[in-house]
C-alpha atoms as a PDB file:
ATOM      1  CA  MET A   1      -2.408 -13.455  12.915  1.00  0.00           C
ATOM      2  CA  VAL A   2      -2.928  -9.750  12.372  1.00  0.00           C
ATOM      3  CA  THR A   3      -6.071  -7.726  13.107  1.00  0.00           C
ATOM      4  CA  ILE A   4      -7.332  -4.453  11.730  1.00  0.00           C
ATOM      5  CA  GLU A   5      -6.281  -2.848  15.024  1.00  0.00           C
ATOM      6  CA  ASP A   6      -2.676  -3.896  14.400  1.00  0.00           C
ATOM      7  CA  VAL A   7      -2.805  -2.376  10.924  1.00  0.00           C
ATOM      8  CA  ARG A   8      -4.516   0.771  12.212  1.00  0.00           C
ATOM      9  CA  ALA A   9      -1.826   1.284  14.871  1.00  0.00           C
ATOM     10  CA  PHE A  10       0.936   1.031  12.261  1.00  0.00           C
ATOM     11  CA  ALA A  11      -0.676   2.849   9.304  1.00  0.00           C
ATOM     12  CA  SER A  12      -1.935   5.790  11.341  1.00  0.00           C
ATOM     13  CA  GLN A  13       1.668   6.689  12.239  1.00  0.00           C
ATOM     14  CA  LEU A  14       2.783   7.052   8.620  1.00  0.00           C
ATOM     15  CA  PRO A  15       3.231  10.647   7.412  1.00  0.00           C
ATOM     16  CA  ARG A  16       0.272  12.031   5.436  1.00  0.00           C
ATOM     17  CA  ALA A  17      -1.776   8.846   6.017  1.00  0.00           C
ATOM     18  CA  TYR A  18      -5.274   9.097   7.417  1.00  0.00           C
ATOM     19  CA  GLU A  19      -8.197   6.784   8.024  1.00  0.00           C
ATOM     20  CA  ALA A  20     -11.553   7.167   6.278  1.00  0.00           C
ATOM     21  CA  LEU A  21     -14.826   5.256   6.483  1.00  0.00           C
ATOM     22  CA  VAL A  22     -16.346   4.761   3.023  1.00  0.00           C
ATOM     23  CA  ARG A  23     -19.559   2.752   2.646  1.00  0.00           C
ATOM     24  CA  ASP A  24     -18.951   1.011   5.975  1.00  0.00           C
ATOM     25  CA  ARG A  25     -15.394   0.043   4.979  1.00  0.00           C
ATOM     26  CA  VAL A  26     -12.217   1.262   6.663  1.00  0.00           C
ATOM     27  CA  LYS A  27      -9.693   2.728   4.234  1.00  0.00           C
ATOM     28  CA  PHE A  28      -6.373   4.491   4.617  1.00  0.00           C
ATOM     29  CA  ARG A  29      -5.430   7.272   2.253  1.00  0.00           C
ATOM     30  CA  VAL A  30      -2.686   9.667   1.356  1.00  0.00           C
ATOM     31  CA  GLY A  31      -4.504  12.667  -0.051  1.00  0.00           C
ATOM     32  CA  ARG A  32      -7.228  11.182  -2.213  1.00  0.00           C
ATOM     33  CA  ILE A  33      -5.301   7.993  -3.012  1.00  0.00           C
ATOM     34  CA  VAL A  34      -6.368   4.853  -1.157  1.00  0.00           C
ATOM     35  CA  PHE A  35      -3.434   2.625  -0.216  1.00  0.00           C
ATOM     36  CA  LEU A  36      -5.261   0.232   2.168  1.00  0.00           C
ATOM     37  CA  ALA A  37      -8.863  -0.948   2.343  1.00  0.00           C
ATOM     38  CA  PHE A  38     -10.559  -3.601   4.454  1.00  0.00           C
ATOM     39  CA  SER A  39     -13.457  -5.912   3.750  1.00  0.00           C
ATOM     40  CA  ARG A  40     -16.612  -5.207   5.733  1.00  0.00           C
ATOM     41  CA  ASP A  41     -15.864  -8.162   8.007  1.00  0.00           C
ATOM     42  CA  GLU A  42     -12.273  -6.881   8.428  1.00  0.00           C
ATOM     43  CA  THR A  43     -10.658 -10.212   7.491  1.00  0.00           C
ATOM     44  CA  ILE A  44      -9.275  -9.162   4.085  1.00  0.00           C
ATOM     45  CA  MET A  45      -6.972  -6.196   3.464  1.00  0.00           C
ATOM     46  CA  GLY A  46      -6.577  -4.735  -0.004  1.00  0.00           C
ATOM     47  CA  PHE A  47      -3.374  -2.804  -0.562  1.00  0.00           C
ATOM     48  CA  GLY A  48      -1.459  -0.964  -3.238  1.00  0.00           C
ATOM     49  CA  PHE A  49       0.807  -3.299  -5.184  1.00  0.00           C
ATOM     50  CA  PRO A  50       2.292  -3.155  -8.711  1.00  0.00           C
ATOM     51  CA  LYS A  51      -0.215  -4.797 -11.023  1.00  0.00           C
ATOM     52  CA  GLU A  52       2.581  -6.198 -13.199  1.00  0.00           C
ATOM     53  CA  GLU A  53       3.701  -8.330 -10.232  1.00  0.00           C
ATOM     54  CA  ARG A  54       0.425  -9.305  -8.572  1.00  0.00           C
ATOM     55  CA  ALA A  55      -0.318 -12.454 -10.612  1.00  0.00           C
ATOM     56  CA  ALA A  56       3.040 -13.898  -9.546  1.00  0.00           C
ATOM     57  CA  LEU A  57       2.397 -12.934  -5.911  1.00  0.00           C
ATOM     58  CA  VAL A  58      -1.013 -14.614  -5.866  1.00  0.00           C
ATOM     59  CA  ALA A  59       0.276 -17.692  -7.717  1.00  0.00           C
ATOM     60  CA  ALA A  60       3.169 -18.074  -5.264  1.00  0.00           C
ATOM     61  CA  GLU A  61       0.935 -18.019  -2.164  1.00  0.00           C
ATOM     62  CA  PRO A  62      -2.738 -18.486  -3.124  1.00  0.00           C
ATOM     63  CA  ALA A  63      -3.779 -19.335   0.435  1.00  0.00           C
ATOM     64  CA  LYS A  64      -2.537 -15.925   1.542  1.00  0.00           C
ATOM     65  CA  PHE A  65      -3.045 -13.518  -1.381  1.00  0.00           C
ATOM     66  CA  LEU A  66      -6.082 -12.888  -3.597  1.00  0.00           C
ATOM     67  CA  MET A  67      -6.617 -11.047  -6.844  1.00  0.00           C
ATOM     68  CA  PRO A  68      -8.773  -7.949  -6.448  1.00  0.00           C
ATOM     69  CA  GLY A  69     -12.393  -7.950  -7.525  1.00  0.00           C
ATOM     70  CA  GLN A  70     -13.162  -7.458 -11.207  1.00  0.00           C
ATOM     71  CA  SER A  71     -13.865  -3.744 -10.757  1.00  0.00           C
ATOM     72  CA  ASP A  72     -10.447  -3.203  -9.111  1.00  0.00           C
ATOM     73  CA  LEU A  73      -8.300  -5.076 -11.649  1.00  0.00           C
ATOM     74  CA  ARG A  74      -7.426  -1.818 -13.398  1.00  0.00           C
ATOM     75  CA  TYR A  75      -5.732  -0.516 -10.239  1.00  0.00           C
ATOM     76  CA  HIS A  76      -2.386  -1.346  -8.654  1.00  0.00           C
ATOM     77  CA  TRP A  77      -4.092  -3.511  -6.063  1.00  0.00           C
ATOM     78  CA  VAL A  78      -4.069  -6.971  -4.466  1.00  0.00           C
ATOM     79  CA  GLN A  79      -5.638  -8.495  -1.348  1.00  0.00           C
ATOM     80  CA  VAL A  80      -4.353 -10.518   1.602  1.00  0.00           C
ATOM     81  CA  ARG A  81      -6.045 -12.594   4.280  1.00  0.00           C
ATOM     82  CA  LEU A  82      -5.104 -10.971   7.601  1.00  0.00           C
ATOM     83  CA  ALA A  83      -5.171 -14.330   9.397  1.00  0.00           C
ATOM     84  CA  ALA A  84      -2.416 -15.587   7.066  1.00  0.00           C
ATOM     85  CA  ILE A  85       0.218 -12.935   7.831  1.00  0.00           C
ATOM     86  CA  ASP A  86       2.237 -11.918  10.846  1.00  0.00           C
ATOM     87  CA  ARG A  87       2.961  -8.425  12.114  1.00  0.00           C
ATOM     88  CA  ALA A  88       6.305  -8.083  10.304  1.00  0.00           C
ATOM     89  CA  GLU A  89       4.804  -9.028   6.932  1.00  0.00           C
ATOM     90  CA  MET A  90       1.840  -6.700   7.531  1.00  0.00           C
ATOM     91  CA  GLN A  91       4.195  -3.809   8.209  1.00  0.00           C
ATOM     92  CA  GLU A  92       6.157  -4.539   5.041  1.00  0.00           C
ATOM     93  CA  LEU A  93       2.997  -4.687   2.888  1.00  0.00           C
ATOM     94  CA  VAL A  94       1.542  -1.511   4.429  1.00  0.00           C
ATOM     95  CA  LEU A  95       4.802   0.397   4.141  1.00  0.00           C
ATOM     96  CA  ASP A  96       5.276  -0.593   0.487  1.00  0.00           C
ATOM     97  CA  ALA A  97       1.680   0.408  -0.355  1.00  0.00           C
ATOM     98  CA  TRP A  98       2.134   3.752   1.427  1.00  0.00           C
ATOM     99  CA  ARG A  99       5.418   4.390  -0.409  1.00  0.00           C
ATOM    100  CA  MET A 100       3.578   4.069  -3.733  1.00  0.00           C
ATOM    101  CA  CYS A 101       1.427   7.083  -2.760  1.00  0.00           C
ATOM    102  CA  VAL A 102       3.729   9.594  -1.083  1.00  0.00           C
ATOM    103  CA  PRO A 103       6.422  11.765  -2.643  1.00  0.00           C
ATOM    104  CA  LYS A 104       9.830  10.085  -2.650  1.00  0.00           C
ATOM    105  CA  GLY A 105      11.248  12.718  -0.309  1.00  0.00           C
ATOM    106  CA  VAL A 106       8.549  12.032   2.311  1.00  0.00           C
ATOM    107  CA  ALA A 107       9.241   8.300   2.159  1.00  0.00           C
ATOM    108  CA  ALA A 108      13.014   8.829   2.328  1.00  0.00           C
ATOM    109  CA  THR A 109      12.709  11.121   5.338  1.00  0.00           C
ATOM    110  CA  TYR A 110      10.432   8.693   7.160  1.00  0.00           C
ATOM    111  CA  LEU A 111      12.709   5.754   6.387  1.00  0.00           C
ATOM    112  CA  GLY A 112      15.711   7.655   7.726  1.00  0.00           C
ATOM    113  CA  GLY A 113      17.402   8.433   4.455  1.00  0.00           C
ATOM    114  CA  ALA A 114      18.035  11.740   2.850  1.00  0.00           C
ATOM    115  CA  ALA A 115      15.663  13.096   0.272  1.00  0.00           C
ATOM    116  CA  PRO A 116      16.564  11.870  -3.204  1.00  0.00           C
ATOM    117  CA  ILE A 117      18.923  14.109  -5.131  1.00  0.00           C
ATOM    118  CA  ARG A 118      17.405  15.319  -8.329  1.00  0.00           C
ATOM    119  CA  SER A 119      19.679  15.102 -11.295  1.00  0.00           C
ATOM    120  CA  ALA A 120      20.283  18.173 -13.390  1.00  0.00           C
ATOM    121  CA  PRO A 121      18.096  18.432 -16.472  1.00  0.00           C
ATOM    122  CA  PRO A 122      19.745  17.274 -19.697  1.00  0.00           C
ATOM    123  CA  PRO A 123      21.461  20.018 -21.674  1.00  0.00           C
ATOM    124  CA  ALA A 124      19.339  21.703 -24.308  1.00  0.00           C
ATOM    125  CA  ARG A 125      19.961  20.463 -27.819  1.00  0.00           C
ATOM    126  CA  ALA A 126      20.941  22.928 -30.491  1.00  0.00           C
ATOM    127  CA  ARG A 127      18.307  23.386 -33.131  1.00  0.00           C
END
């Protein structure tokens, strides 16, 4: 079982991530983008997740994952019951949500890799 304190300890160490309190709810952001948000009772964690994949995630483990509320369906977002995950899974979910928000070079540096090499632009076509 994971608590909000476990998530806070991990998420607060990620580059560019910071905690905010919005309408009595704890959220973590990178810039203005929210990548984690907690229910008021701190038992449910919403997190950034590709919306094309979330239906499959929820269908695979409905006791663990939940679809976001109707107003959040337009976002890349899904929810998890904190009591249903362990620390390793929490860290994976948080890290993946954070990676969706930061520049690739920041994520690569944090993860111990080199910054991605940008390919040269395609040659200009003759007109």
